[in-house]
C-alpha atoms as a PDB file:
ATOM      1  CA  MET A   1       0.000   0.000   0.000  1.00  0.00           C
ATOM      2  CA  LEU A   2       2.828   2.368   0.844  1.00  0.00           C
ATOM      3  CA  ASP A   3       4.356   1.514  -2.506  1.00  0.00           C
ATOM      4  CA  LEU A   4       1.113   2.553  -4.253  1.00  0.00           C
ATOM      5  CA  MET A   5       0.966   5.776  -2.247  1.00  0.00           C
ATOM      6  CA  LEU A   6       4.559   6.612  -3.172  1.00  0.00           C
ATOM      7  CA  ARG A   7       3.875   6.031  -6.877  1.00  0.00           C
ATOM      8  CA  GLU A   8       0.682   8.152  -6.814  1.00  0.00           C
ATOM      9  CA  MET A   9       2.418  10.982  -4.989  1.00  0.00           C
ATOM     10  CA  GLY A  10       5.381  10.992  -7.323  1.00  0.00           C
ATOM     11  CA  GLY A  11       8.358   9.519  -5.576  1.00  0.00           C
ATOM     12  CA  MET A  12       9.631  10.369  -2.125  1.00  0.00           C
ATOM     13  CA  PRO A  13       6.889  12.366  -0.407  1.00  0.00           C
ATOM     14  CA  ALA A  14       8.405  11.838   3.029  1.00  0.00           C
ATOM     15  CA  LEU A  15      11.283  14.084   2.060  1.00  0.00           C
ATOM     16  CA  SER A  16       9.263  16.675   0.160  1.00  0.00           C
ATOM     17  CA  SER A  17       6.015  16.788   2.181  1.00  0.00           C
ATOM     18  CA  PRO A  18       5.733  14.722   5.357  1.00  0.00           C
ATOM     19  CA  ASP A  19       2.380  16.320   6.280  1.00  0.00           C
ATOM     20  CA  ARG A  20       0.911  15.329   2.931  1.00  0.00           C
ATOM     21  CA  LEU A  21       2.109  11.751   3.391  1.00  0.00           C
ATOM     22  CA  LEU A  22       0.611  11.535   6.904  1.00  0.00           C
ATOM     23  CA  ASP A  23      -2.724  12.953   5.717  1.00  0.00           C
ATOM     24  CA  ARG A  24      -2.869  10.428   2.873  1.00  0.00           C
ATOM     25  CA  LEU A  25      -1.910   7.561   5.183  1.00  0.00           C
ATOM     26  CA  GLU A  26      -4.580   8.578   7.713  1.00  0.00           C
ATOM     27  CA  ARG A  27      -7.265   8.776   5.014  1.00  0.00           C
ATOM     28  CA  THR A  28      -6.241   5.353   3.704  1.00  0.00           C
ATOM     29  CA  LEU A  29      -6.299   3.671   7.093  1.00  0.00           C
ATOM     30  CA  THR A  30      -9.461   5.371   8.393  1.00  0.00           C
ATOM     31  CA  PRO A  31     -12.753   3.970   7.111  1.00  0.00           C
ATOM     32  CA  ALA A  32     -14.985   6.274   5.090  1.00  0.00           C
ATOM     33  CA  TRP A  33     -17.592   6.100   7.831  1.00  0.00           C
ATOM     34  CA  THR A  34     -17.269   6.114  11.564  1.00  0.00           C
ATOM     35  CA  TRP A  35     -19.799   5.042  14.136  1.00  0.00           C
ATOM     36  CA  THR A  36     -20.260   7.276  17.121  1.00  0.00           C
ATOM     37  CA  PRO A  37     -22.843   6.168  19.654  1.00  0.00           C
ATOM     38  CA  ARG A  38     -25.522   8.752  20.310  1.00  0.00           C
ATOM     39  CA  PRO A  39     -25.753  10.010  23.849  1.00  0.00           C
ATOM     40  CA  VAL A  40     -28.566   8.298  25.671  1.00  0.00           C
ATOM     41  CA  ALA A  41     -31.420  10.690  26.295  1.00  0.00           C
ATOM     42  CA  GLN A  42     -32.500  10.961  29.883  1.00  0.00           C
ATOM     43  CA  TRP A  43     -35.828   9.307  30.366  1.00  0.00           C
ATOM     44  CA  PRO A  44     -38.244  10.876  30.746  1.00  0.00           C
ATOM     45  CA  LEU A  45     -37.868  14.246  29.078  1.00  0.00           C
ATOM     46  CA  PHE A  46     -39.380  17.086  31.101  1.00  0.00           C
ATOM     47  CA  ASP A  47     -41.119  20.145  29.668  1.00  0.00           C
ATOM     48  CA  VAL A  48     -41.120  23.285  31.816  1.00  0.00           C
ATOM     49  CA  THR A  49     -43.705  25.955  30.994  1.00  0.00           C
ATOM     50  CA  HIS A  50     -43.929  29.366  32.649  1.00  0.00           C
ATOM     51  CA  THR A  51     -47.338  31.014  32.983  1.00  0.00           C
ATOM     52  CA  ASP A  52     -48.332  34.210  34.790  1.00  0.00           C
ATOM     53  CA  ASP A  53     -49.584  32.196  37.770  1.00  0.00           C
ATOM     54  CA  ALA A  54     -47.349  29.124  37.965  1.00  0.00           C
ATOM     55  CA  ILE A  55     -44.626  26.943  36.559  1.00  0.00           C
ATOM     56  CA  VAL A  56     -45.903  23.718  35.019  1.00  0.00           C
ATOM     57  CA  ILE A  57     -43.589  20.722  34.678  1.00  0.00           C
ATOM     58  CA  THR A  58     -44.770  17.794  32.568  1.00  0.00           C
ATOM     59  CA  ALA A  59     -43.271  14.459  31.537  1.00  0.00           C
ATOM     60  CA  ASP A  60     -44.528  11.484  29.554  1.00  0.00           C
ATOM     61  CA  VAL A  61     -44.184   8.395  31.748  1.00  0.00           C
ATOM     62  CA  PRO A  62     -46.350   5.745  30.101  1.00  0.00           C
ATOM     63  CA  GLY A  63     -46.956   2.624  32.119  1.00  0.00           C
ATOM     64  CA  LEU A  64     -46.176   4.176  35.492  1.00  0.00           C
ATOM     65  CA  ALA A  65     -48.714   4.158  38.306  1.00  0.00           C
ATOM     66  CA  ASP A  66     -49.062   6.586  41.208  1.00  0.00           C
ATOM     67  CA  ASP A  67     -47.017   4.232  43.412  1.00  0.00           C
ATOM     68  CA  ASP A  68     -44.130   4.356  40.913  1.00  0.00           C
ATOM     69  CA  VAL A  69     -43.668   8.147  41.128  1.00  0.00           C
ATOM     70  CA  ASN A  70     -42.501  10.286  44.047  1.00  0.00           C
ATOM     71  CA  VAL A  71     -42.590  14.107  44.007  1.00  0.00           C
ATOM     72  CA  HIS A  72     -41.253  16.073  46.957  1.00  0.00           C
ATOM     73  CA  VAL A  73     -39.866  19.492  47.853  1.00  0.00           C
ATOM     74  CA  ALA A  74     -37.017  20.116  50.299  1.00  0.00           C
ATOM     75  CA  GLY A  75     -36.182  23.775  50.704  1.00  0.00           C
ATOM     76  CA  ARG A  76     -36.043  25.154  47.172  1.00  0.00           C
ATOM     77  CA  VAL A  77     -35.334  21.818  45.465  1.00  0.00           C
ATOM     78  CA  LEU A  78     -38.155  19.929  43.750  1.00  0.00           C
ATOM     79  CA  THR A  79     -37.305  16.253  43.236  1.00  0.00           C
ATOM     80  CA  ILE A  80     -39.206  13.942  40.908  1.00  0.00           C
ATOM     81  CA  GLU A  81     -38.374  10.236  41.073  1.00  0.00           C
ATOM     82  CA  GLY A  82     -39.833   7.237  39.354  1.00  0.00           C
ATOM     83  CA  LYS A  83     -39.226   3.558  38.782  1.00  0.00           C
ATOM     84  CA  THR A  84     -40.619   0.889  36.543  1.00  0.00           C
ATOM     85  CA  SER A  85     -40.124  -2.831  36.242  1.00  0.00           C
ATOM     86  CA  ARG A  86     -42.301  -4.375  33.597  1.00  0.00           C
ATOM     87  CA  ARG A  87     -41.737  -7.624  31.703  1.00  0.00           C
ATOM     88  CA  GLY A  88     -38.216  -8.110  32.996  1.00  0.00           C
ATOM     89  CA  TYR A  89     -37.158  -4.536  32.136  1.00  0.00           C
ATOM     90  CA  SER A  90     -36.457  -2.079  34.910  1.00  0.00           C
ATOM     91  CA  ASP A  91     -35.554   1.578  34.803  1.00  0.00           C
ATOM     92  CA  ALA A  92     -35.487   4.459  37.237  1.00  0.00           C
ATOM     93  CA  PHE A  93     -35.113   8.195  37.019  1.00  0.00           C
ATOM     94  CA  GLN A  94     -34.559  11.147  39.290  1.00  0.00           C
ATOM     95  CA  ARG A  95     -34.641  14.801  38.287  1.00  0.00           C
ATOM     96  CA  GLN A  96     -34.136  17.785  40.542  1.00  0.00           C
ATOM     97  CA  PHE A  97     -35.223  21.332  39.825  1.00  0.00           C
ATOM     98  CA  THR A  98     -33.950  24.296  41.835  1.00  0.00           C
ATOM     99  CA  LEU A  99     -36.934  26.561  42.366  1.00  0.00           C
ATOM    100  CA  ALA A 100     -36.457  30.314  42.170  1.00  0.00           C
ATOM    101  CA  GLU A 101     -37.559  32.786  44.792  1.00  0.00           C
ATOM    102  CA  GLY A 102     -41.159  33.814  44.321  1.00  0.00           C
ATOM    103  CA  LEU A 103     -42.501  30.274  43.947  1.00  0.00           C
ATOM    104  CA  ASP A 104     -44.881  28.910  46.568  1.00  0.00           C
ATOM    105  CA  THR A 105     -43.207  25.635  47.577  1.00  0.00           C
ATOM    106  CA  ASP A 106     -45.888  24.959  50.221  1.00  0.00           C
ATOM    107  CA  HIS A 107     -48.595  24.509  47.579  1.00  0.00           C
ATOM    108  CA  VAL A 108     -46.929  22.311  44.931  1.00  0.00           C
ATOM    109  CA  GLU A 109     -49.407  19.882  43.329  1.00  0.00           C
ATOM    110  CA  ALA A 110     -48.789  16.803  41.173  1.00  0.00           C
ATOM    111  CA  GLN A 111     -50.973  14.420  39.197  1.00  0.00           C
ATOM    112  CA  LEU A 112     -50.352  11.361  37.038  1.00  0.00           C
ATOM    113  CA  ASP A 113     -53.061  11.016  34.413  1.00  0.00           C
ATOM    114  CA  ARG A 114     -52.940   8.545  31.506  1.00  0.00           C
ATOM    115  CA  GLY A 115     -49.157   8.375  31.471  1.00  0.00           C
ATOM    116  CA  VAL A 116     -48.538  12.125  31.774  1.00  0.00           C
ATOM    117  CA  LEU A 117     -47.064  13.497  34.982  1.00  0.00           C
ATOM    118  CA  THR A 118     -48.007  17.127  35.652  1.00  0.00           C
ATOM    119  CA  VAL A 119     -46.476  19.162  38.483  1.00  0.00           C
ATOM    120  CA  LEU A 120     -47.847  22.626  39.266  1.00  0.00           C
ATOM    121  CA  VAL A 121     -45.653  25.071  41.208  1.00  0.00           C
ATOM    122  CA  PRO A 122     -47.669  28.239  41.895  1.00  0.00           C
ATOM    123  CA  LYS A 123     -46.090  31.675  41.997  1.00  0.00           C
ATOM    124  CA  THR A 124     -46.483  33.929  45.016  1.00  0.00           C
ATOM    125  CA  PRO A 125     -48.429  37.162  44.473  1.00  0.00           C
ATOM    126  CA  LYS A 126     -45.164  39.140  44.511  1.00  0.00           C
ATOM    127  CA  ALA A 127     -43.764  37.023  41.664  1.00  0.00           C
ATOM    128  CA  LYS A 128     -46.797  37.426  39.408  1.00  0.00           C
ATOM    129  CA  PRO A 129     -46.548  40.054  36.692  1.00  0.00           C
ATOM    130  CA  ARG A 130     -48.554  43.213  37.156  1.00  0.00           C
ATOM    131  CA  GLN A 131     -49.388  46.085  34.868  1.00  0.00           C
ATOM    132  CA  ILE A 132     -47.549  49.345  35.558  1.00  0.00           C
ATOM    133  CA  LYS A 133     -49.635  52.427  34.847  1.00  0.00           C
ATOM    134  CA  LEU A 134     -47.845  55.153  32.945  1.00  0.00           C
ATOM    135  CA  GLY A 135     -48.101  58.440  34.731  1.00  0.00           C
ATOM    136  CA  GLY A 136     -46.517  61.808  35.123  1.00  0.00           C
ATOM    137  CA  GLY A 137     -44.012  62.952  37.662  1.00  0.00           C
ATOM    138  CA  VAL A 138     -41.584  60.035  37.342  1.00  0.00           C
ATOM    139  CA  VAL A 139     -38.953  62.052  35.493  1.00  0.00           C
ATOM    140  CA  ASP A 140     -39.061  64.787  38.146  1.00  0.00           C
ATOM    141  CA  LYS A 141     -38.696  62.152  40.889  1.00  0.00           C
ATOM    142  CA  VAL A 142     -35.654  60.641  39.158  1.00  0.00           C
ATOM    143  CA  LYS A 143     -34.073  64.066  38.716  1.00  0.00           C
ATOM    144  CA  GLY A 144     -34.672  64.733  42.394  1.00  0.00           C
ATOM    145  CA  LEU A 145     -33.027  61.433  43.329  1.00  0.00           C
ATOM    146  CA  LEU A 146     -30.046  62.268  41.120  1.00  0.00           C
ATOM    147  CA  GLY A 147     -29.751  65.759  42.562  1.00  0.00           C
ATOM    148  CA  LEU A 148     -30.743  67.515  39.347  1.00  0.00           C
ATOM    149  CA  GLU A 149     -33.130  70.441  39.136  1.00  0.00           C
ATOM    150  CA  ALA A 150     -36.589  69.275  38.126  1.00  0.00           C
ATOM    151  CA  GLY A 151     -37.430  72.207  35.871  1.00  0.00           C
ATOM    152  CA  ARG A 152     -34.207  73.399  34.217  1.00  0.00           C
ATOM    153  CA  ALA A 153     -34.513  75.624  31.165  1.00  0.00           C
ATOM    154  CA  GLU A 154     -32.452  73.233  28.974  1.00  0.00           C
ATOM    155  CA  ASP A 155     -34.912  70.389  29.635  1.00  0.00           C
ATOM    156  CA  LYS A 156     -37.885  72.578  28.778  1.00  0.00           C
ATOM    157  CA  ALA A 157     -36.336  73.632  25.482  1.00  0.00           C
ATOM    158  CA  SER A 158     -35.910  70.015  24.262  1.00  0.00           C
END
């Protein structure tokens, strides 16, 4: 094979272009395709949706019963665990979510319905969005806080 490579490259490539020889040798010895295993997806996949009133976490867990799933909160960490062992196959999962301030961890609810796990984490009233009314006087307040005169002639001219 090296003999063929030398003839195709015109003589003594090692002396004229060692990089070219190494590239050619690597291409010759490496198959045209390579197999790379795909990373295993974590089962189940969780969807997290933010609404104005709560955070909703859902996961498809077909075949699991209420006894197979455990949802609990410790401090600001929500943990969802599950296990299955059907027909000689067993699998388990555990996912933890760190909950932000402004979520009501005392009123977390969960339900497993037809293979879909739904966890509802309500927001506290302070965390809910509210409409801010546009009004006058804000610019003068800011100027006062910054130590600027509220009614300077330059501001009135612009």
